[in-house]
Amino acid sequence: MQHIHPEDIQSRIDRLKDQDLYIHLEMTTGAYAAHLDSSKHPAATFITNAVIRYSHGSISGNGPYRIGLKAEAGWIYSEGLTHYEESESERLILAGHDSQGKLIVALQLSKEPF
């Protein structure tokens, strides 16, 4: 994975708008490892292969980055993104890693299920 280049990501977001897409969105603050450190609040979010369509999407921030997608019935929002998979041309695969390299957040969009 490469560090996010906002201009490249915005171009990819724009190319995918107004299409039915599968989304994978997850976030964890240590839910998988809370048993190792009781001071961590275990929290996680996970959705995969839900179909969405957005009319507007944007990336903002100076790193870590935020992405907002305007869907028909509301917004999808992900914050803390730091990296993307550069080799993917048909899918948008983004991740946010902490200072130790652990995955904190993932946002993925594709025309095909994950």
PDB file of N, CA and C in Angstrom:
ATOM      1  N   MET A   1       0.845  -1.182   0.000  1.00  0.00           N
ATOM      2  CA  MET A   1       0.000   0.000   0.000  1.00  0.00           C
ATOM      3  C   MET A   1       0.887   1.240   0.000  1.00  0.00           C
ATOM      4  N   GLN A   2       0.373   2.296  -0.620  1.00  0.00           N
ATOM      5  CA  GLN A   2       1.086   3.559  -0.744  1.00  0.00           C
ATOM      6  C   GLN A   2       0.395   4.633   0.100  1.00  0.00           C
ATOM      7  N   HIS A   3       1.161   5.640   0.478  1.00  0.00           N
ATOM      8  CA  HIS A   3       0.547   6.784   1.158  1.00  0.00           C
ATOM      9  C   HIS A   3      -0.426   7.461   0.201  1.00  0.00           C
ATOM     10  N   ILE A   4      -1.512   7.949   0.746  1.00  0.00           N
ATOM     11  CA  ILE A   4      -2.559   8.586  -0.056  1.00  0.00           C
ATOM     12  C   ILE A   4      -2.036   9.856  -0.715  1.00  0.00           C
ATOM     13  N   HIS A   5      -2.365   9.984  -2.008  1.00  0.00           N
ATOM     14  CA  HIS A   5      -2.165  11.212  -2.779  1.00  0.00           C
ATOM     15  C   HIS A   5      -3.566  11.739  -3.076  1.00  0.00           C
ATOM     16  N   PRO A   6      -4.001  12.791  -2.388  1.00  0.00           N
ATOM     17  CA  PRO A   6      -5.405  13.235  -2.482  1.00  0.00           C
ATOM     18  C   PRO A   6      -5.920  13.440  -3.903  1.00  0.00           C
ATOM     19  N   GLU A   7      -5.099  14.000  -4.791  1.00  0.00           N
ATOM     20  CA  GLU A   7      -5.555  14.267  -6.160  1.00  0.00           C
ATOM     21  C   GLU A   7      -5.885  12.960  -6.886  1.00  0.00           C
ATOM     22  N   ASP A   8      -5.066  11.942  -6.685  1.00  0.00           N
ATOM     23  CA  ASP A   8      -5.304  10.644  -7.312  1.00  0.00           C
ATOM     24  C   ASP A   8      -6.572  10.003  -6.751  1.00  0.00           C
ATOM     25  N   ILE A   9      -6.738  10.068  -5.446  1.00  0.00           N
ATOM     26  CA  ILE A   9      -7.921   9.474  -4.819  1.00  0.00           C
ATOM     27  C   ILE A   9      -9.185  10.205  -5.262  1.00  0.00           C
ATOM     28  N   GLN A  10      -9.135  11.542  -5.346  1.00  0.00           N
ATOM     29  CA  GLN A  10     -10.315  12.290  -5.800  1.00  0.00           C
ATOM     30  C   GLN A  10     -10.693  11.876  -7.216  1.00  0.00           C
ATOM     31  N   SER A  11      -9.722  11.680  -8.071  1.00  0.00           N
ATOM     32  CA  SER A  11      -9.985  11.237  -9.439  1.00  0.00           C
ATOM     33  C   SER A  11     -10.656   9.869  -9.451  1.00  0.00           C
ATOM     34  N   ARG A  12     -10.191   8.962  -8.589  1.00  0.00           N
ATOM     35  CA  ARG A  12     -10.792   7.627  -8.504  1.00  0.00           C
ATOM     36  C   ARG A  12     -12.212   7.694  -7.957  1.00  0.00           C
ATOM     37  N   ILE A  13     -12.437   8.547  -6.956  1.00  0.00           N
ATOM     38  CA  ILE A  13     -13.787   8.733  -6.407  1.00  0.00           C
ATOM     39  C   ILE A  13     -14.721   9.233  -7.500  1.00  0.00           C
ATOM     40  N   ASP A  14     -14.268  10.210  -8.269  1.00  0.00           N
ATOM     41  CA  ASP A  14     -15.098  10.776  -9.336  1.00  0.00           C
ATOM     42  C   ASP A  14     -15.429   9.745 -10.412  1.00  0.00           C
ATOM     43  N   ARG A  15     -14.491   8.867 -10.737  1.00  0.00           N
ATOM     44  CA  ARG A  15     -14.722   7.847 -11.777  1.00  0.00           C
ATOM     45  C   ARG A  15     -15.773   6.814 -11.343  1.00  0.00           C
ATOM     46  N   LEU A  16     -15.935   6.600 -10.051  1.00  0.00           N
ATOM     47  CA  LEU A  16     -16.864   5.580  -9.559  1.00  0.00           C
ATOM     48  C   LEU A  16     -18.263   6.112  -9.234  1.00  0.00           C
ATOM     49  N   LYS A  17     -18.466   7.420  -9.243  1.00  0.00           N
ATOM     50  CA  LYS A  17     -19.767   7.961  -8.837  1.00  0.00           C
ATOM     51  C   LYS A  17     -20.857   7.611  -9.845  1.00  0.00           C
ATOM     52  N   ASP A  18     -22.096   7.654  -9.359  1.00  0.00           N
ATOM     53  CA  ASP A  18     -23.299   7.371 -10.150  1.00  0.00           C
ATOM     54  C   ASP A  18     -23.320   5.950 -10.709  1.00  0.00           C
ATOM     55  N   GLN A  19     -22.747   5.000  -9.970  1.00  0.00           N
ATOM     56  CA  GLN A  19     -22.753   3.583 -10.338  1.00  0.00           C
ATOM     57  C   GLN A  19     -23.138   2.767  -9.107  1.00  0.00           C
ATOM     58  N   ASP A  20     -23.747   1.625  -9.323  1.00  0.00           N
ATOM     59  CA  ASP A  20     -23.979   0.704  -8.215  1.00  0.00           C
ATOM     60  C   ASP A  20     -22.649   0.066  -7.852  1.00  0.00           C
ATOM     61  N   LEU A  21     -22.265   0.189  -6.590  1.00  0.00           N
ATOM     62  CA  LEU A  21     -20.979  -0.310  -6.106  1.00  0.00           C
ATOM     63  C   LEU A  21     -21.168  -1.112  -4.837  1.00  0.00           C
ATOM     64  N   TYR A  22     -20.268  -2.039  -4.620  1.00  0.00           N
ATOM     65  CA  TYR A  22     -20.211  -2.758  -3.353  1.00  0.00           C
ATOM     66  C   TYR A  22     -19.265  -1.998  -2.439  1.00  0.00           C
ATOM     67  N   ILE A  23     -19.659  -1.890  -1.188  1.00  0.00           N
ATOM     68  CA  ILE A  23     -18.830  -1.191  -0.212  1.00  0.00           C
ATOM     69  C   ILE A  23     -18.395  -2.154   0.884  1.00  0.00           C
ATOM     70  N   HIS A  24     -17.169  -1.977   1.304  1.00  0.00           N
ATOM     71  CA  HIS A  24     -16.663  -2.634   2.506  1.00  0.00           C
ATOM     72  C   HIS A  24     -16.148  -1.495   3.378  1.00  0.00           C
ATOM     73  N   LEU A  25     -16.656  -1.401   4.602  1.00  0.00           N
ATOM     74  CA  LEU A  25     -16.262  -0.352   5.523  1.00  0.00           C
ATOM     75  C   LEU A  25     -16.092  -0.979   6.896  1.00  0.00           C
ATOM     76  N   GLU A  26     -14.921  -0.800   7.476  1.00  0.00           N
ATOM     77  CA  GLU A  26     -14.713  -1.314   8.830  1.00  0.00           C
ATOM     78  C   GLU A  26     -13.831  -0.368   9.616  1.00  0.00           C
ATOM     79  N   MET A  27     -14.026  -0.407  10.936  1.00  0.00           N
ATOM     80  CA  MET A  27     -13.257   0.408  11.859  1.00  0.00           C
ATOM     81  C   MET A  27     -13.113  -0.377  13.146  1.00  0.00           C
ATOM     82  N   THR A  28     -11.931  -0.298  13.744  1.00  0.00           N
ATOM     83  CA  THR A  28     -11.735  -0.908  15.051  1.00  0.00           C
ATOM     84  C   THR A  28     -10.816  -0.026  15.889  1.00  0.00           C
ATOM     85  N   THR A  29     -11.121   0.095  17.137  1.00  0.00           N
ATOM     86  CA  THR A  29     -10.249   0.828  18.060  1.00  0.00           C
ATOM     87  C   THR A  29      -9.521  -0.135  18.975  1.00  0.00           C
ATOM     88  N   GLY A  30      -9.451  -1.373  18.552  1.00  0.00           N
ATOM     89  CA  GLY A  30      -8.774  -2.370  19.353  1.00  0.00           C
ATOM     90  C   GLY A  30      -9.691  -3.462  19.854  1.00  0.00           C
ATOM     91  N   ALA A  31     -10.841  -3.595  19.222  1.00  0.00           N
ATOM     92  CA  ALA A  31     -11.814  -4.585  19.680  1.00  0.00           C
ATOM     93  C   ALA A  31     -11.245  -5.998  19.668  1.00  0.00           C
ATOM     94  N   TYR A  32     -10.358  -6.286  18.711  1.00  0.00           N
ATOM     95  CA  TYR A  32      -9.791  -7.628  18.621  1.00  0.00           C
ATOM     96  C   TYR A  32      -8.738  -7.878  19.686  1.00  0.00           C
ATOM     97  N   ALA A  33      -8.156  -6.806  20.229  1.00  0.00           N
ATOM     98  CA  ALA A  33      -7.056  -6.974  21.178  1.00  0.00           C
ATOM     99  C   ALA A  33      -7.390  -6.447  22.575  1.00  0.00           C
ATOM    100  N   ALA A  34      -8.633  -6.100  22.829  1.00  0.00           N
ATOM    101  CA  ALA A  34      -9.004  -5.542  24.128  1.00  0.00           C
ATOM    102  C   ALA A  34      -8.735  -6.515  25.264  1.00  0.00           C
ATOM    103  N   HIS A  35      -8.739  -7.804  24.964  1.00  0.00           N
ATOM    104  CA  HIS A  35      -8.475  -8.778  26.015  1.00  0.00           C
ATOM    105  C   HIS A  35      -7.026  -8.706  26.512  1.00  0.00           C
ATOM    106  N   LEU A  36      -6.134  -8.076  25.727  1.00  0.00           N
ATOM    107  CA  LEU A  36      -4.738  -7.914  26.141  1.00  0.00           C
ATOM    108  C   LEU A  36      -4.518  -6.662  26.977  1.00  0.00           C
ATOM    109  N   ASP A  37      -5.417  -5.703  26.860  1.00  0.00           N
ATOM    110  CA  ASP A  37      -5.281  -4.440  27.573  1.00  0.00           C
ATOM    111  C   ASP A  37      -6.677  -3.968  27.971  1.00  0.00           C
ATOM    112  N   SER A  38      -7.038  -4.162  29.219  1.00  0.00           N
ATOM    113  CA  SER A  38      -8.394  -3.844  29.663  1.00  0.00           C
ATOM    114  C   SER A  38      -8.698  -2.352  29.645  1.00  0.00           C
ATOM    115  N   SER A  39      -7.676  -1.499  29.464  1.00  0.00           N
ATOM    116  CA  SER A  39      -7.925  -0.060  29.402  1.00  0.00           C
ATOM    117  C   SER A  39      -8.462   0.365  28.041  1.00  0.00           C
ATOM    118  N   LYS A  40      -8.348  -0.480  27.043  1.00  0.00           N
ATOM    119  CA  LYS A  40      -8.863  -0.151  25.708  1.00  0.00           C
ATOM    120  C   LYS A  40     -10.362  -0.417  25.655  1.00  0.00           C
ATOM    121  N   HIS A  41     -11.073   0.549  25.126  1.00  0.00           N
ATOM    122  CA  HIS A  41     -12.507   0.381  24.928  1.00  0.00           C
ATOM    123  C   HIS A  41     -12.717  -0.397  23.633  1.00  0.00           C
ATOM    124  N   PRO A  42     -13.316  -1.570  23.690  1.00  0.00           N
ATOM    125  CA  PRO A  42     -13.491  -2.359  22.468  1.00  0.00           C
ATOM    126  C   PRO A  42     -14.630  -1.806  21.618  1.00  0.00           C
ATOM    127  N   ALA A  43     -14.287  -1.281  20.454  1.00  0.00           N
ATOM    128  CA  ALA A  43     -15.297  -0.762  19.532  1.00  0.00           C
ATOM    129  C   ALA A  43     -14.927  -1.179  18.119  1.00  0.00           C
ATOM    130  N   ALA A  44     -15.922  -1.519  17.333  1.00  0.00           N
ATOM    131  CA  ALA A  44     -15.684  -1.917  15.949  1.00  0.00           C
ATOM    132  C   ALA A  44     -16.947  -1.665  15.135  1.00  0.00           C
ATOM    133  N   THR A  45     -16.754  -1.472  13.834  1.00  0.00           N
ATOM    134  CA  THR A  45     -17.841  -1.342  12.871  1.00  0.00           C
ATOM    135  C   THR A  45     -17.441  -2.141  11.650  1.00  0.00           C
ATOM    136  N   PHE A  46     -18.408  -2.827  11.048  1.00  0.00           N
ATOM    137  CA  PHE A  46     -18.100  -3.654   9.893  1.00  0.00           C
ATOM    138  C   PHE A  46     -19.333  -3.769   9.015  1.00  0.00           C
ATOM    139  N   ILE A  47     -19.191  -3.459   7.736  1.00  0.00           N
ATOM    140  CA  ILE A  47     -20.228  -3.699   6.742  1.00  0.00           C
ATOM    141  C   ILE A  47     -19.502  -4.137   5.483  1.00  0.00           C
ATOM    142  N   THR A  48     -20.017  -5.150   4.827  1.00  0.00           N
ATOM    143  CA  THR A  48     -19.365  -5.604   3.599  1.00  0.00           C
ATOM    144  C   THR A  48     -20.411  -6.040   2.580  1.00  0.00           C
ATOM    145  N   ASN A  49     -20.113  -5.760   1.332  1.00  0.00           N
ATOM    146  CA  ASN A  49     -20.925  -6.138   0.178  1.00  0.00           C
ATOM    147  C   ASN A  49     -22.335  -5.560   0.194  1.00  0.00           C
ATOM    148  N   ALA A  50     -22.511  -4.409   0.839  1.00  0.00           N
ATOM    149  CA  ALA A  50     -23.750  -3.655   0.693  1.00  0.00           C
ATOM    150  C   ALA A  50     -23.627  -2.858  -0.610  1.00  0.00           C
ATOM    151  N   VAL A  51     -24.732  -2.675  -1.305  1.00  0.00           N
ATOM    152  CA  VAL A  51     -24.707  -1.938  -2.562  1.00  0.00           C
ATOM    153  C   VAL A  51     -25.060  -0.484  -2.294  1.00  0.00           C
ATOM    154  N   ILE A  52     -24.220   0.403  -2.803  1.00  0.00           N
ATOM    155  CA  ILE A  52     -24.457   1.839  -2.663  1.00  0.00           C
ATOM    156  C   ILE A  52     -24.311   2.507  -4.024  1.00  0.00           C
ATOM    157  N   ARG A  53     -24.795   3.726  -4.101  1.00  0.00           N
ATOM    158  CA  ARG A  53     -24.593   4.594  -5.265  1.00  0.00           C
ATOM    159  C   ARG A  53     -24.454   5.996  -4.691  1.00  0.00           C
ATOM    160  N   TYR A  54     -23.399   6.691  -5.074  1.00  0.00           N
ATOM    161  CA  TYR A  54     -23.224   8.057  -4.580  1.00  0.00           C
ATOM    162  C   TYR A  54     -23.153   9.041  -5.731  1.00  0.00           C
ATOM    163  N   SER A  55     -23.673  10.238  -5.481  1.00  0.00           N
ATOM    164  CA  SER A  55     -23.707  11.284  -6.504  1.00  0.00           C
ATOM    165  C   SER A  55     -22.557  12.272  -6.351  1.00  0.00           C
ATOM    166  N   HIS A  56     -21.960  12.277  -5.187  1.00  0.00           N
ATOM    167  CA  HIS A  56     -20.842  13.187  -4.928  1.00  0.00           C
ATOM    168  C   HIS A  56     -19.932  12.521  -3.905  1.00  0.00           C
ATOM    169  N   GLY A  57     -18.638  12.641  -4.120  1.00  0.00           N
ATOM    170  CA  GLY A  57     -17.676  12.124  -3.160  1.00  0.00           C
ATOM    171  C   GLY A  57     -16.479  13.037  -3.105  1.00  0.00           C
ATOM    172  N   SER A  58     -15.862  13.132  -1.919  1.00  0.00           N
ATOM    173  CA  SER A  58     -14.688  14.001  -1.805  1.00  0.00           C
ATOM    174  C   SER A  58     -13.749  13.485  -0.730  1.00  0.00           C
ATOM    175  N   ILE A  59     -12.490  13.836  -0.910  1.00  0.00           N
ATOM    176  CA  ILE A  59     -11.457  13.554   0.075  1.00  0.00           C
ATOM    177  C   ILE A  59     -11.016  14.889   0.645  1.00  0.00           C
ATOM    178  N   SER A  60     -10.770  14.925   1.954  1.00  0.00           N
ATOM    179  CA  SER A  60     -10.316  16.166   2.575  1.00  0.00           C
ATOM    180  C   SER A  60      -9.349  15.852   3.702  1.00  0.00           C
ATOM    181  N   GLY A  61      -8.700  16.892   4.190  1.00  0.00           N
ATOM    182  CA  GLY A  61      -7.737  16.752   5.266  1.00  0.00           C
ATOM    183  C   GLY A  61      -6.314  16.820   4.750  1.00  0.00           C
ATOM    184  N   ASN A  62      -5.395  16.789   5.699  1.00  0.00           N
ATOM    185  CA  ASN A  62      -3.967  16.863   5.378  1.00  0.00           C
ATOM    186  C   ASN A  62      -3.250  15.567   5.715  1.00  0.00           C
ATOM    187  N   GLY A  63      -3.996  14.555   6.070  1.00  0.00           N
ATOM    188  CA  GLY A  63      -3.434  13.262   6.445  1.00  0.00           C
ATOM    189  C   GLY A  63      -3.365  13.159   7.954  1.00  0.00           C
ATOM    190  N   PRO A  64      -4.019  12.155   8.523  1.00  0.00           N
ATOM    191  CA  PRO A  64      -4.932  11.218   7.870  1.00  0.00           C
ATOM    192  C   PRO A  64      -6.096  11.943   7.192  1.00  0.00           C
ATOM    193  N   TYR A  65      -6.674  11.266   6.198  1.00  0.00           N
ATOM    194  CA  TYR A  65      -7.685  11.880   5.340  1.00  0.00           C
ATOM    195  C   TYR A  65      -9.093  11.408   5.686  1.00  0.00           C
ATOM    196  N   ARG A  66     -10.075  12.202   5.237  1.00  0.00           N
ATOM    197  CA  ARG A  66     -11.490  11.884   5.381  1.00  0.00           C
ATOM    198  C   ARG A  66     -12.090  11.735   3.986  1.00  0.00           C
ATOM    199  N   ILE A  67     -13.017  10.810   3.855  1.00  0.00           N
ATOM    200  CA  ILE A  67     -13.765  10.665   2.604  1.00  0.00           C
ATOM    201  C   ILE A  67     -15.238  10.670   2.943  1.00  0.00           C
ATOM    202  N   GLY A  68     -15.986  11.474   2.202  1.00  0.00           N
ATOM    203  CA  GLY A  68     -17.433  11.530   2.332  1.00  0.00           C
ATOM    204  C   GLY A  68     -18.069  11.186   1.000  1.00  0.00           C
ATOM    205  N   LEU A  69     -19.110  10.365   1.044  1.00  0.00           N
ATOM    206  CA  LEU A  69     -19.843   9.958  -0.150  1.00  0.00           C
ATOM    207  C   LEU A  69     -21.310  10.298   0.054  1.00  0.00           C
ATOM    208  N   LYS A  70     -21.884  11.111  -0.826  1.00  0.00           N
ATOM    209  CA  LYS A  70     -23.284  11.520  -0.734  1.00  0.00           C
ATOM    210  C   LYS A  70     -24.149  10.508  -1.469  1.00  0.00           C
ATOM    211  N   ALA A  71     -24.849   9.695  -0.708  1.00  0.00           N
ATOM    212  CA  ALA A  71     -25.759   8.694  -1.269  1.00  0.00           C
ATOM    213  C   ALA A  71     -27.172   9.271  -1.308  1.00  0.00           C
ATOM    214  N   GLU A  72     -28.086   8.560  -1.951  1.00  0.00           N
ATOM    215  CA  GLU A  72     -29.454   9.052  -2.091  1.00  0.00           C
ATOM    216  C   GLU A  72     -30.113   9.320  -0.745  1.00  0.00           C
ATOM    217  N   ALA A  73     -29.885   8.455   0.230  1.00  0.00           N
ATOM    218  CA  ALA A  73     -30.577   8.578   1.514  1.00  0.00           C
ATOM    219  C   ALA A  73     -29.708   9.164   2.624  1.00  0.00           C
ATOM    220  N   GLY A  74     -28.515   9.643   2.301  1.00  0.00           N
ATOM    221  CA  GLY A  74     -27.661  10.217   3.337  1.00  0.00           C
ATOM    222  C   GLY A  74     -26.193  10.163   2.950  1.00  0.00           C
ATOM    223  N   TRP A  75     -25.350  10.203   3.958  1.00  0.00           N
ATOM    224  CA  TRP A  75     -23.905  10.254   3.742  1.00  0.00           C
ATOM    225  C   TRP A  75     -23.213   9.022   4.305  1.00  0.00           C
ATOM    226  N   ILE A  76     -22.130   8.645   3.656  1.00  0.00           N
ATOM    227  CA  ILE A  76     -21.197   7.642   4.168  1.00  0.00           C
ATOM    228  C   ILE A  76     -19.897   8.396   4.381  1.00  0.00           C
ATOM    229  N   TYR A  77     -19.307   8.215   5.547  1.00  0.00           N
ATOM    230  CA  TYR A  77     -18.158   9.022   5.941  1.00  0.00           C
ATOM    231  C   TYR A  77     -17.126   8.121   6.587  1.00  0.00           C
ATOM    232  N   SER A  78     -15.863   8.295   6.214  1.00  0.00           N
ATOM    233  CA  SER A  78     -14.777   7.527   6.819  1.00  0.00           C
ATOM    234  C   SER A  78     -13.602   8.466   7.073  1.00  0.00           C
ATOM    235  N   GLU A  79     -13.038   8.376   8.260  1.00  0.00           N
ATOM    236  CA  GLU A  79     -11.938   9.261   8.649  1.00  0.00           C
ATOM    237  C   GLU A  79     -10.776   8.427   9.175  1.00  0.00           C
ATOM    238  N   GLY A  80      -9.563   8.957   9.016  1.00  0.00           N
ATOM    239  CA  GLY A  80      -8.370   8.288   9.511  1.00  0.00           C
ATOM    240  C   GLY A  80      -7.631   7.508   8.445  1.00  0.00           C
ATOM    241  N   LEU A  81      -7.945   7.750   7.182  1.00  0.00           N
ATOM    242  CA  LEU A  81      -7.347   6.999   6.080  1.00  0.00           C
ATOM    243  C   LEU A  81      -5.930   7.509   5.776  1.00  0.00           C
ATOM    244  N   THR A  82      -5.008   6.588   5.593  1.00  0.00           N
ATOM    245  CA  THR A  82      -3.603   6.942   5.375  1.00  0.00           C
ATOM    246  C   THR A  82      -2.998   6.328   4.118  1.00  0.00           C
ATOM    247  N   HIS A  83      -3.529   5.195   3.649  1.00  0.00           N
ATOM    248  CA  HIS A  83      -2.918   4.452   2.546  1.00  0.00           C
ATOM    249  C   HIS A  83      -3.968   3.997   1.528  1.00  0.00           C
ATOM    250  N   TYR A  84      -3.497   3.679   0.323  1.00  0.00           N
ATOM    251  CA  TYR A  84      -4.363   3.103  -0.691  1.00  0.00           C
ATOM    252  C   TYR A  84      -3.587   2.078  -1.498  1.00  0.00           C
ATOM    253  N   GLU A  85      -4.342   1.201  -2.148  1.00  0.00           N
ATOM    254  CA  GLU A  85      -3.732   0.173  -2.985  1.00  0.00           C
ATOM    255  C   GLU A  85      -3.591   0.733  -4.394  1.00  0.00           C
ATOM    256  N   GLU A  86      -2.378   1.095  -4.743  1.00  0.00           N
ATOM    257  CA  GLU A  86      -2.089   1.769  -6.006  1.00  0.00           C
ATOM    258  C   GLU A  86      -2.321   0.869  -7.215  1.00  0.00           C
ATOM    259  N   SER A  87      -2.114  -0.432  -7.064  1.00  0.00           N
ATOM    260  CA  SER A  87      -2.207  -1.347  -8.207  1.00  0.00           C
ATOM    261  C   SER A  87      -3.648  -1.626  -8.635  1.00  0.00           C
ATOM    262  N   GLU A  88      -4.616  -1.244  -7.822  1.00  0.00           N
ATOM    263  CA  GLU A  88      -6.026  -1.465  -8.157  1.00  0.00           C
ATOM    264  C   GLU A  88      -6.523  -0.365  -9.093  1.00  0.00           C
ATOM    265  N   SER A  89      -7.011  -0.764 -10.274  1.00  0.00           N
ATOM    266  CA  SER A  89      -7.528   0.242 -11.201  1.00  0.00           C
ATOM    267  C   SER A  89      -9.055   0.249 -11.264  1.00  0.00           C
ATOM    268  N   GLU A  90      -9.687  -0.868 -10.949  1.00  0.00           N
ATOM    269  CA  GLU A  90     -11.144  -0.976 -11.007  1.00  0.00           C
ATOM    270  C   GLU A  90     -11.807  -0.822  -9.652  1.00  0.00           C
ATOM    271  N   ARG A  91     -11.016  -0.915  -8.588  1.00  0.00           N
ATOM    272  CA  ARG A  91     -11.542  -0.805  -7.221  1.00  0.00           C
ATOM    273  C   ARG A  91     -10.782   0.293  -6.485  1.00  0.00           C
ATOM    274  N   LEU A  92     -11.422   0.859  -5.503  1.00  0.00           N
ATOM    275  CA  LEU A  92     -10.776   1.821  -4.619  1.00  0.00           C
ATOM    276  C   LEU A  92     -10.618   1.155  -3.264  1.00  0.00           C
ATOM    277  N   ILE A  93      -9.382   0.930  -2.862  1.00  0.00           N
ATOM    278  CA  ILE A  93      -9.091   0.255  -1.600  1.00  0.00           C
ATOM    279  C   ILE A  93      -8.241   1.191  -0.757  1.00  0.00           C
ATOM    280  N   LEU A  94      -8.821   1.651   0.354  1.00  0.00           N
ATOM    281  CA  LEU A  94      -8.173   2.600   1.252  1.00  0.00           C
ATOM    282  C   LEU A  94      -8.094   2.010   2.653  1.00  0.00           C
ATOM    283  N   ALA A  95      -7.063   2.401   3.389  1.00  0.00           N
ATOM    284  CA  ALA A  95      -6.899   1.918   4.763  1.00  0.00           C
ATOM    285  C   ALA A  95      -6.283   3.017   5.608  1.00  0.00           C
ATOM    286  N   GLY A  96      -6.524   2.930   6.884  1.00  0.00           N
ATOM    287  CA  GLY A  96      -5.890   3.819   7.851  1.00  0.00           C
ATOM    288  C   GLY A  96      -5.133   2.966   8.854  1.00  0.00           C
ATOM    289  N   HIS A  97      -3.852   3.254   9.012  1.00  0.00           N
ATOM    290  CA  HIS A  97      -3.007   2.495   9.931  1.00  0.00           C
ATOM    291  C   HIS A  97      -2.532   3.407  11.052  1.00  0.00           C
ATOM    292  N   ASP A  98      -2.383   2.845  12.252  1.00  0.00           N
ATOM    293  CA  ASP A  98      -1.862   3.627  13.366  1.00  0.00           C
ATOM    294  C   ASP A  98      -0.334   3.685  13.284  1.00  0.00           C
ATOM    295  N   SER A  99       0.298   4.298  14.282  1.00  0.00           N
ATOM    296  CA  SER A  99       1.753   4.486  14.267  1.00  0.00           C
ATOM    297  C   SER A  99       2.515   3.169  14.348  1.00  0.00           C
ATOM    298  N   GLN A 100       1.831   2.097  14.747  1.00  0.00           N
ATOM    299  CA  GLN A 100       2.455   0.777  14.802  1.00  0.00           C
ATOM    300  C   GLN A 100       2.147  -0.048  13.557  1.00  0.00           C
ATOM    301  N   GLY A 101       1.444   0.543  12.599  1.00  0.00           N
ATOM    302  CA  GLY A 101       1.114  -0.154  11.362  1.00  0.00           C
ATOM    303  C   GLY A 101      -0.120  -1.020  11.437  1.00  0.00           C
ATOM    304  N   LYS A 102      -0.865  -0.943  12.533  1.00  0.00           N
ATOM    305  CA  LYS A 102      -2.075  -1.756  12.683  1.00  0.00           C
ATOM    306  C   LYS A 102      -3.248  -1.081  11.977  1.00  0.00           C
ATOM    307  N   LEU A 103      -4.085  -1.916  11.367  1.00  0.00           N
ATOM    308  CA  LEU A 103      -5.261  -1.415  10.669  1.00  0.00           C
ATOM    309  C   LEU A 103      -6.265  -0.837  11.665  1.00  0.00           C
ATOM    310  N   ILE A 104      -6.700   0.391  11.406  1.00  0.00           N
ATOM    311  CA  ILE A 104      -7.708   1.059  12.227  1.00  0.00           C
ATOM    312  C   ILE A 104      -9.015   1.214  11.446  1.00  0.00           C
ATOM    313  N   VAL A 105      -8.912   1.546  10.150  1.00  0.00           N
ATOM    314  CA  VAL A 105     -10.095   1.785   9.332  1.00  0.00           C
ATOM    315  C   VAL A 105      -9.818   1.323   7.907  1.00  0.00           C
ATOM    316  N   ALA A 106     -10.856   0.832   7.239  1.00  0.00           N
ATOM    317  CA  ALA A 106     -10.758   0.438   5.837  1.00  0.00           C
ATOM    318  C   ALA A 106     -12.026   0.871   5.114  1.00  0.00           C
ATOM    319  N   LEU A 107     -11.840   1.402   3.914  1.00  0.00           N
ATOM    320  CA  LEU A 107     -12.956   1.777   3.035  1.00  0.00           C
ATOM    321  C   LEU A 107     -12.624   1.239   1.656  1.00  0.00           C
ATOM    322  N   GLN A 108     -13.523   0.426   1.121  1.00  0.00           N
ATOM    323  CA  GLN A 108     -13.281  -0.177  -0.180  1.00  0.00           C
ATOM    324  C   GLN A 108     -14.543  -0.075  -1.018  1.00  0.00           C
ATOM    325  N   LEU A 109     -14.370   0.253  -2.308  1.00  0.00           N
ATOM    326  CA  LEU A 109     -15.484   0.354  -3.247  1.00  0.00           C
ATOM    327  C   LEU A 109     -15.135  -0.459  -4.485  1.00  0.00           C
ATOM    328  N   SER A 110     -16.125  -1.200  -5.002  1.00  0.00           N
ATOM    329  CA  SER A 110     -15.873  -2.058  -6.156  1.00  0.00           C
ATOM    330  C   SER A 110     -17.160  -2.321  -6.916  1.00  0.00           C
ATOM    331  N   LYS A 111     -17.040  -2.569  -8.206  1.00  0.00           N
ATOM    332  CA  LYS A 111     -18.193  -2.971  -9.021  1.00  0.00           C
ATOM    333  C   LYS A 111     -18.538  -4.443  -8.787  1.00  0.00           C
ATOM    334  N   GLU A 112     -17.609  -5.196  -8.223  1.00  0.00           N
ATOM    335  CA  GLU A 112     -17.790  -6.617  -7.931  1.00  0.00           C
ATOM    336  C   GLU A 112     -17.762  -6.815  -6.408  1.00  0.00           C
ATOM    337  N   PRO A 113     -18.451  -7.827  -5.895  1.00  0.00           N
ATOM    338  CA  PRO A 113     -18.421  -8.084  -4.449  1.00  0.00           C
ATOM    339  C   PRO A 113     -17.008  -8.396  -3.953  1.00  0.00           C
ATOM    340  N   PHE A 114     -16.795  -8.163  -2.679  1.00  0.00           N
ATOM    341  CA  PHE A 114     -15.494  -8.463  -2.054  1.00  0.00           C
ATOM    342  C   PHE A 114     -15.473  -9.881  -1.553  1.00  0.00           C
TER     343      PHE A 114
END
